[in-house]
Amino acid sequence: MLPLPEPRDFPPRIATGAFILNSGLSKLKADEATQQGLHGMACTAYPFLEKLEPARFTRLLAWSEIAVGSSLLIPFVPTRLAGLALTGFSGGLIGLYLRVPGMREDGSLRPSQNGVPLAKDTWMFGIGLGFLAAGTRRAVTASFRCHRHRRCRH
């Protein structure tokens, strides 16, 4: 039986999951101009994506967002697994923020006015890292138990 997430995990899972799921569902209905814009920005940061057609890229991006958002919203998905998905996804978006010209102020990591929407992905990355660390305290505590006494916590 899979453990349910800790109560403290629900607020960030719901907030980020709903945000990402909504974004993915919106991209499924993207028009051609939106598809071209998304694909162009992604290709600037990740040139290997030029091999994909804009419509296909947008569909893949949309379904990726739907999968990540759903993994956060479904309580039966372990928090660490959902955190792995969120960290990987938001890490790719941070790469976009760092590589696309005009997203940051010159010589700085601070976002420009155009970069503010992408800079929010650092929050999702931090939440994902926090989810990856979920449960590690219990594992560390268990390793400090006395080897002679099972209940001893010396």
Protein backbone atom coordinates (compact mmCIF):
# COMPACT_ATOMS: atom_id res chain seq x y z
CA MET A 1 0.00 0.00 0.00
CA LEU A 2 1.35 3.41 -0.97
CA PRO A 3 1.56 5.98 1.81
CA LEU A 4 -0.57 9.09 1.40
CA PRO A 5 1.25 12.41 1.29
CA GLU A 6 1.85 14.22 4.56
CA PRO A 7 -0.80 16.88 5.31
CA ARG A 8 1.86 19.59 4.86
CA ASP A 9 2.40 18.43 1.27
CA PHE A 10 -1.18 19.02 0.11
CA PRO A 11 -1.16 22.85 -0.22
CA PRO A 12 1.92 23.07 -2.47
CA ARG A 13 0.86 19.97 -4.42
CA ILE A 14 -2.60 21.41 -5.08
CA ALA A 15 -1.34 24.91 -5.93
CA THR A 16 1.40 23.83 -8.32
CA GLY A 17 -0.56 20.89 -9.72
CA ALA A 18 -3.62 22.98 -10.56
CA PHE A 19 -1.43 25.69 -12.13
CA ILE A 20 0.49 23.25 -14.33
CA LEU A 21 -2.58 21.21 -15.25
CA ASN A 22 -4.43 24.36 -16.34
CA SER A 23 -1.45 25.44 -18.41
CA GLY A 24 -1.33 22.06 -20.16
CA LEU A 25 -5.06 22.02 -20.87
CA SER A 26 -4.82 25.54 -22.32
CA LYS A 27 -1.99 24.51 -24.63
CA LEU A 28 -4.10 21.70 -26.10
CA LYS A 29 -6.29 24.44 -27.62
CA ALA A 30 -3.38 26.62 -28.80
CA ASP A 31 -3.75 28.30 -32.17
CA GLU A 32 -1.02 28.25 -34.80
CA ALA A 33 0.50 31.58 -33.74
CA THR A 34 0.78 30.39 -30.12
CA GLN A 35 2.31 27.11 -31.26
CA GLN A 36 4.88 28.99 -33.35
CA GLY A 37 5.74 31.27 -30.40
CA LEU A 38 6.13 28.45 -27.90
CA HIS A 39 8.20 26.40 -30.32
CA GLY A 40 10.40 29.37 -31.28
CA MET A 41 11.19 30.22 -27.67
CA ALA A 42 11.92 26.59 -26.83
CA CYS A 43 14.20 26.22 -29.87
CA THR A 44 16.17 29.29 -28.80
CA ALA A 45 17.00 27.58 -25.50
CA TYR A 46 17.09 23.99 -26.75
CA PRO A 47 18.10 23.87 -30.46
CA PHE A 48 17.47 20.11 -30.75
CA LEU A 49 13.73 20.89 -30.60
CA GLU A 50 13.92 22.40 -34.10
CA LYS A 51 13.39 18.86 -35.43
CA LEU A 52 9.80 18.91 -34.14
CA GLU A 53 6.96 20.68 -35.87
CA PRO A 54 5.43 23.48 -33.74
CA ALA A 55 2.05 21.72 -33.46
CA ARG A 56 3.66 18.44 -32.35
CA PHE A 57 5.94 20.23 -29.90
CA THR A 58 3.00 22.09 -28.36
CA ARG A 59 0.98 18.87 -28.03
CA LEU A 60 3.93 17.12 -26.34
CA LEU A 61 4.44 20.07 -24.03
CA ALA A 62 0.72 20.17 -23.18
CA TRP A 63 0.58 16.45 -22.37
CA SER A 64 3.78 16.74 -20.31
CA GLU A 65 2.21 19.54 -18.28
CA ILE A 66 -1.00 17.53 -17.87
CA ALA A 67 1.01 14.53 -16.64
CA VAL A 68 3.08 16.58 -14.16
CA GLY A 69 0.06 18.54 -12.91
CA SER A 70 -1.98 15.37 -12.49
CA SER A 71 0.82 13.60 -10.62
CA LEU A 72 0.80 16.44 -8.11
CA LEU A 73 -2.99 16.44 -7.73
CA ILE A 74 -3.50 12.69 -7.39
CA PRO A 75 -2.85 11.86 -3.72
CA PHE A 76 -1.89 8.25 -4.47
CA VAL A 77 1.22 9.39 -6.32
CA PRO A 78 4.03 9.45 -3.73
CA THR A 79 5.27 12.94 -2.95
CA ARG A 80 8.86 12.09 -3.87
CA LEU A 81 7.78 10.79 -7.29
CA ALA A 82 5.62 13.87 -7.91
CA GLY A 83 8.59 15.97 -6.75
CA LEU A 84 10.86 14.25 -9.25
CA ALA A 85 8.44 15.09 -12.07
CA LEU A 86 8.05 18.69 -10.87
CA THR A 87 11.80 19.22 -10.42
CA GLY A 88 12.61 17.86 -13.87
CA PHE A 89 9.88 19.85 -15.58
CA SER A 90 10.61 23.13 -13.80
CA GLY A 91 14.36 22.61 -14.30
CA GLY A 92 13.75 22.63 -18.04
CA LEU A 93 11.76 25.84 -17.69
CA ILE A 94 14.56 27.45 -15.69
CA GLY A 95 16.90 26.55 -18.55
CA LEU A 96 14.53 28.45 -20.82
CA TYR A 97 14.68 31.47 -18.49
CA LEU A 98 18.49 31.37 -18.42
CA ARG A 99 19.02 30.85 -22.17
CA VAL A 100 16.41 33.00 -23.91
CA PRO A 101 17.71 36.54 -24.54
CA GLY A 102 15.80 39.36 -22.87
CA MET A 103 14.48 37.32 -19.94
CA ARG A 104 17.07 38.67 -17.51
CA GLU A 105 18.61 42.03 -16.79
CA ASP A 106 22.05 42.40 -18.40
CA GLY A 107 24.75 40.64 -16.39
CA SER A 108 22.30 39.49 -13.73
CA LEU A 109 20.01 36.64 -12.75
CA ARG A 110 17.28 39.17 -11.92
CA PRO A 111 14.35 38.92 -14.32
CA SER A 112 13.60 41.63 -16.81
CA GLN A 113 9.98 42.69 -17.23
CA ASN A 114 9.63 40.02 -19.94
CA GLY A 115 11.30 37.39 -17.76
CA VAL A 116 9.02 37.65 -14.72
CA PRO A 117 6.55 35.00 -16.01
CA LEU A 118 9.42 32.52 -16.46
CA ALA A 119 11.16 33.45 -13.20
CA LYS A 120 8.23 31.95 -11.27
CA ASP A 121 9.48 28.54 -12.32
CA THR A 122 12.20 28.83 -9.69
CA TRP A 123 9.46 28.51 -7.05
CA MET A 124 8.22 25.30 -8.63
CA PHE A 125 11.79 24.02 -8.73
CA GLY A 126 12.19 24.76 -5.01
CA ILE A 127 8.90 23.02 -4.21
CA GLY A 128 10.01 20.02 -6.28
CA LEU A 129 13.31 19.83 -4.38
CA GLY A 130 11.39 19.97 -1.10
CA PHE A 131 9.19 17.10 -2.26
CA LEU A 132 12.28 15.09 -3.22
CA ALA A 133 13.52 15.47 0.34
CA ALA A 134 10.20 14.19 1.75
CA GLY A 135 10.67 11.19 4.00
CA THR A 136 14.45 11.53 4.27
CA ARG A 137 14.27 12.60 7.93
CA ARG A 138 12.63 9.33 8.90
CA ALA A 139 15.29 7.36 7.04
CA VAL A 140 18.09 9.30 8.73
CA THR A 141 16.49 8.90 12.17
CA ALA A 142 16.14 5.17 11.68
CA SER A 143 19.84 4.83 10.85
CA PHE A 144 20.78 6.29 14.25
CA ARG A 145 18.97 3.60 16.22
CA CYS A 146 20.94 1.46 18.61
CA HIS A 147 21.92 -1.83 16.99
CA ARG A 148 21.37 -3.83 20.22
CA HIS A 149 17.89 -2.51 20.99
CA ARG A 150 15.27 -2.17 18.31
CA ARG A 151 13.30 0.56 20.12
CA CYS A 152 16.32 2.49 21.34
CA ARG A 153 16.98 5.79 19.57
CA HIS A 154 20.51 6.50 20.79
